[in-house]
Amino acid sequence: MPVFNRSHIIEPEDPRQVQPPLSHAFDEVSCPGSRVSFKSKASSSLNSAKNVLLLAQLTEKQLIEEIRLENEHRLLKARNEVQMARMNFELLEQDEVCDPVRADVVNQSEKI
């Protein structure tokens, strides 16, 4: 039976009617007192997570590049030390070959 209300008639709710889930209703409407809908908030959270991911990936790439440059510098330094040691050895070897007296002195000091 219809219920009368000032200017219009309110029909009783049909108990057989299925109510949509509460979350579905909130997806489409704004929160009271808020101008941002739940969809916008979810989208904002997604964008925020994406930005965090991109920042982490950028940081990772920068660290990889820094490590690569640091290792390259260390490798060049080590190669330079090897080259200097090789040149020093070759010079000393040439000195011994060119100066037999000195070579004898070195050999005698090694025997002592």
C-alpha atoms as a PDB file:
ATOM      1  CA  MET A   1       0.000   0.000   0.000  1.00  0.00           C
ATOM      2  CA  PRO A   2       1.386   3.395  -0.972  1.00  0.00           C
ATOM      3  CA  VAL A   3       2.453   5.834   1.693  1.00  0.00           C
ATOM      4  CA  PHE A   4       1.429   9.457   1.257  1.00  0.00           C
ATOM      5  CA  ASN A   5       4.024  12.099   1.829  1.00  0.00           C
ATOM      6  CA  ARG A   6       3.254  15.789   1.433  1.00  0.00           C
ATOM      7  CA  SER A   7       3.637  16.239  -2.320  1.00  0.00           C
ATOM      8  CA  HIS A   8       4.241  12.783  -3.730  1.00  0.00           C
ATOM      9  CA  ILE A   9       3.625   9.133  -3.132  1.00  0.00           C
ATOM     10  CA  ILE A  10       6.453   6.920  -1.888  1.00  0.00           C
ATOM     11  CA  GLU A  11       6.133   3.329  -3.003  1.00  0.00           C
ATOM     12  CA  PRO A  12       7.293   0.681  -0.544  1.00  0.00           C
ATOM     13  CA  GLU A  13      10.586  -0.995  -1.479  1.00  0.00           C
ATOM     14  CA  ASP A  14      10.309  -4.324  -3.201  1.00  0.00           C
ATOM     15  CA  PRO A  15      12.104  -6.864  -0.953  1.00  0.00           C
ATOM     16  CA  ARG A  16      12.969  -8.942  -4.033  1.00  0.00           C
ATOM     17  CA  GLN A  17      15.043  -6.126  -5.519  1.00  0.00           C
ATOM     18  CA  VAL A  18      18.793  -6.747  -5.213  1.00  0.00           C
ATOM     19  CA  GLN A  19      20.753  -3.856  -3.767  1.00  0.00           C
ATOM     20  CA  PRO A  20      24.043  -3.022  -5.504  1.00  0.00           C
ATOM     21  CA  PRO A  21      27.150  -3.536  -3.375  1.00  0.00           C
ATOM     22  CA  LEU A  22      28.042  -0.594  -1.188  1.00  0.00           C
ATOM     23  CA  SER A  23      31.523  -0.258  -2.709  1.00  0.00           C
ATOM     24  CA  HIS A  24      29.992   0.102  -6.187  1.00  0.00           C
ATOM     25  CA  ALA A  25      27.935   3.058  -5.024  1.00  0.00           C
ATOM     26  CA  PHE A  26      30.999   4.742  -3.516  1.00  0.00           C
ATOM     27  CA  ASP A  27      33.028   4.295  -6.698  1.00  0.00           C
ATOM     28  CA  GLU A  28      30.789   6.692  -8.556  1.00  0.00           C
ATOM     29  CA  VAL A  29      30.023   9.342  -5.956  1.00  0.00           C
ATOM     30  CA  SER A  30      32.014  11.795  -3.952  1.00  0.00           C
ATOM     31  CA  CYS A  31      32.533  11.530  -0.252  1.00  0.00           C
ATOM     32  CA  PRO A  32      30.517  14.037   1.737  1.00  0.00           C
ATOM     33  CA  GLY A  33      32.705  17.056   2.353  1.00  0.00           C
ATOM     34  CA  SER A  34      35.193  15.950  -0.271  1.00  0.00           C
ATOM     35  CA  ARG A  35      35.445  16.997  -3.881  1.00  0.00           C
ATOM     36  CA  VAL A  36      37.474  13.943  -4.853  1.00  0.00           C
ATOM     37  CA  SER A  37      35.678  10.743  -5.724  1.00  0.00           C
ATOM     38  CA  PHE A  38      36.934   7.319  -4.684  1.00  0.00           C
ATOM     39  CA  LYS A  39      37.884   6.637  -8.295  1.00  0.00           C
ATOM     40  CA  SER A  40      40.046   9.747  -8.292  1.00  0.00           C
ATOM     41  CA  LYS A  41      41.630   8.713  -4.999  1.00  0.00           C
ATOM     42  CA  ALA A  42      42.364   5.237  -6.358  1.00  0.00           C
ATOM     43  CA  SER A  43      43.786   6.770  -9.522  1.00  0.00           C
ATOM     44  CA  SER A  44      45.867   9.148  -7.433  1.00  0.00           C
ATOM     45  CA  SER A  45      47.202   6.231  -5.370  1.00  0.00           C
ATOM     46  CA  LEU A  46      48.025   4.354  -8.553  1.00  0.00           C
ATOM     47  CA  ASN A  47      49.860   7.375  -9.973  1.00  0.00           C
ATOM     48  CA  SER A  48      51.715   7.824  -6.706  1.00  0.00           C
ATOM     49  CA  ALA A  49      52.794   4.171  -6.705  1.00  0.00           C
ATOM     50  CA  LYS A  50      53.879   4.502 -10.335  1.00  0.00           C
ATOM     51  CA  ASN A  51      55.938   7.596  -9.490  1.00  0.00           C
ATOM     52  CA  VAL A  52      57.610   5.765  -6.598  1.00  0.00           C
ATOM     53  CA  LEU A  53      58.434   2.875  -8.948  1.00  0.00           C
ATOM     54  CA  LEU A  54      59.868   5.215 -11.593  1.00  0.00           C
ATOM     55  CA  LEU A  55      61.947   7.036  -8.982  1.00  0.00           C
ATOM     56  CA  ALA A  56      63.295   3.722  -7.652  1.00  0.00           C
ATOM     57  CA  GLN A  57      64.189   2.600 -11.181  1.00  0.00           C
ATOM     58  CA  LEU A  58      65.925   5.917 -11.884  1.00  0.00           C
ATOM     59  CA  THR A  59      67.874   5.666  -8.627  1.00  0.00           C
ATOM     60  CA  GLU A  60      68.880   2.109  -9.528  1.00  0.00           C
ATOM     61  CA  LYS A  61      70.114   3.217 -12.967  1.00  0.00           C
ATOM     62  CA  GLN A  62      72.080   6.091 -11.437  1.00  0.00           C
ATOM     63  CA  LEU A  63      73.716   3.775  -8.898  1.00  0.00           C
ATOM     64  CA  ILE A  64      74.604   1.270 -11.614  1.00  0.00           C
ATOM     65  CA  GLU A  65      76.203   4.065 -13.647  1.00  0.00           C
ATOM     66  CA  GLU A  66      78.111   5.386 -10.609  1.00  0.00           C
ATOM     67  CA  ILE A  67      79.400   1.897  -9.800  1.00  0.00           C
ATOM     68  CA  ARG A  68      80.374   1.336 -13.437  1.00  0.00           C
ATOM     69  CA  LEU A  69      82.310   4.608 -13.523  1.00  0.00           C
ATOM     70  CA  GLU A  70      83.957   3.899 -10.172  1.00  0.00           C
ATOM     71  CA  ASN A  71      84.984   0.395 -11.283  1.00  0.00           C
ATOM     72  CA  GLU A  72      86.239   1.752 -14.597  1.00  0.00           C
ATOM     73  CA  HIS A  73      88.357   4.297 -12.711  1.00  0.00           C
ATOM     74  CA  ARG A  74      89.745   1.594 -10.396  1.00  0.00           C
ATOM     75  CA  LEU A  75      90.516  -0.658 -13.370  1.00  0.00           C
ATOM     76  CA  LEU A  76      92.362   2.133 -15.191  1.00  0.00           C
ATOM     77  CA  LYS A  77      94.325   2.889 -12.027  1.00  0.00           C
ATOM     78  CA  ALA A  78      95.275  -0.793 -11.631  1.00  0.00           C
ATOM     79  CA  ARG A  79      96.298  -1.041 -15.291  1.00  0.00           C
ATOM     80  CA  ASN A  80      98.439   2.070 -14.866  1.00  0.00           C
ATOM     81  CA  GLU A  81     100.140   0.548 -11.799  1.00  0.00           C
ATOM     82  CA  VAL A  82     100.835  -2.668 -13.739  1.00  0.00           C
ATOM     83  CA  GLN A  83     102.284  -0.684 -16.629  1.00  0.00           C
ATOM     84  CA  MET A  84     104.477   1.367 -14.276  1.00  0.00           C
ATOM     85  CA  ALA A  85     105.706  -1.780 -12.501  1.00  0.00           C
ATOM     86  CA  ARG A  86     106.445  -3.458 -15.853  1.00  0.00           C
ATOM     87  CA  MET A  87     108.379  -0.406 -17.073  1.00  0.00           C
ATOM     88  CA  ASN A  88     110.316  -0.237 -13.795  1.00  0.00           C
ATOM     89  CA  PHE A  89     111.163  -3.942 -14.031  1.00  0.00           C
ATOM     90  CA  GLU A  90     112.285  -3.605 -17.662  1.00  0.00           C
ATOM     91  CA  LEU A  91     114.468  -0.599 -16.806  1.00  0.00           C
ATOM     92  CA  LEU A  92     116.119  -2.469 -13.937  1.00  0.00           C
ATOM     93  CA  GLU A  93     116.601  -5.490 -16.162  1.00  0.00           C
ATOM     94  CA  GLN A  94     118.256  -3.315 -18.827  1.00  0.00           C
ATOM     95  CA  ASP A  95     120.482  -1.722 -16.178  1.00  0.00           C
ATOM     96  CA  GLU A  96     121.753  -5.160 -15.128  1.00  0.00           C
ATOM     97  CA  VAL A  97     122.431  -6.199 -18.713  1.00  0.00           C
ATOM     98  CA  CYS A  98     124.166  -2.917 -19.563  1.00  0.00           C
ATOM     99  CA  ASP A  99     126.222  -2.673 -16.351  1.00  0.00           C
ATOM    100  CA  PRO A 100     127.886  -6.040 -15.624  1.00  0.00           C
ATOM    101  CA  VAL A 101     129.875  -4.613 -12.684  1.00  0.00           C
ATOM    102  CA  ARG A 102     126.706  -3.485 -11.012  1.00  0.00           C
ATOM    103  CA  ALA A 103     125.137  -6.869 -11.737  1.00  0.00           C
ATOM    104  CA  ASP A 104     128.062  -8.549  -9.928  1.00  0.00           C
ATOM    105  CA  VAL A 105     127.609  -6.253  -6.931  1.00  0.00           C
ATOM    106  CA  VAL A 106     123.896  -7.041  -6.850  1.00  0.00           C
ATOM    107  CA  ASN A 107     124.559 -10.778  -7.149  1.00  0.00           C
ATOM    108  CA  GLN A 108     127.190 -10.672  -4.349  1.00  0.00           C
ATOM    109  CA  SER A 109     124.842  -8.755  -2.036  1.00  0.00           C
ATOM    110  CA  GLU A 110     122.161 -11.365  -2.675  1.00  0.00           C
ATOM    111  CA  LYS A 111     124.570 -14.143  -1.603  1.00  0.00           C
ATOM    112  CA  ILE A 112     125.251 -12.438   1.729  1.00  0.00           C
END
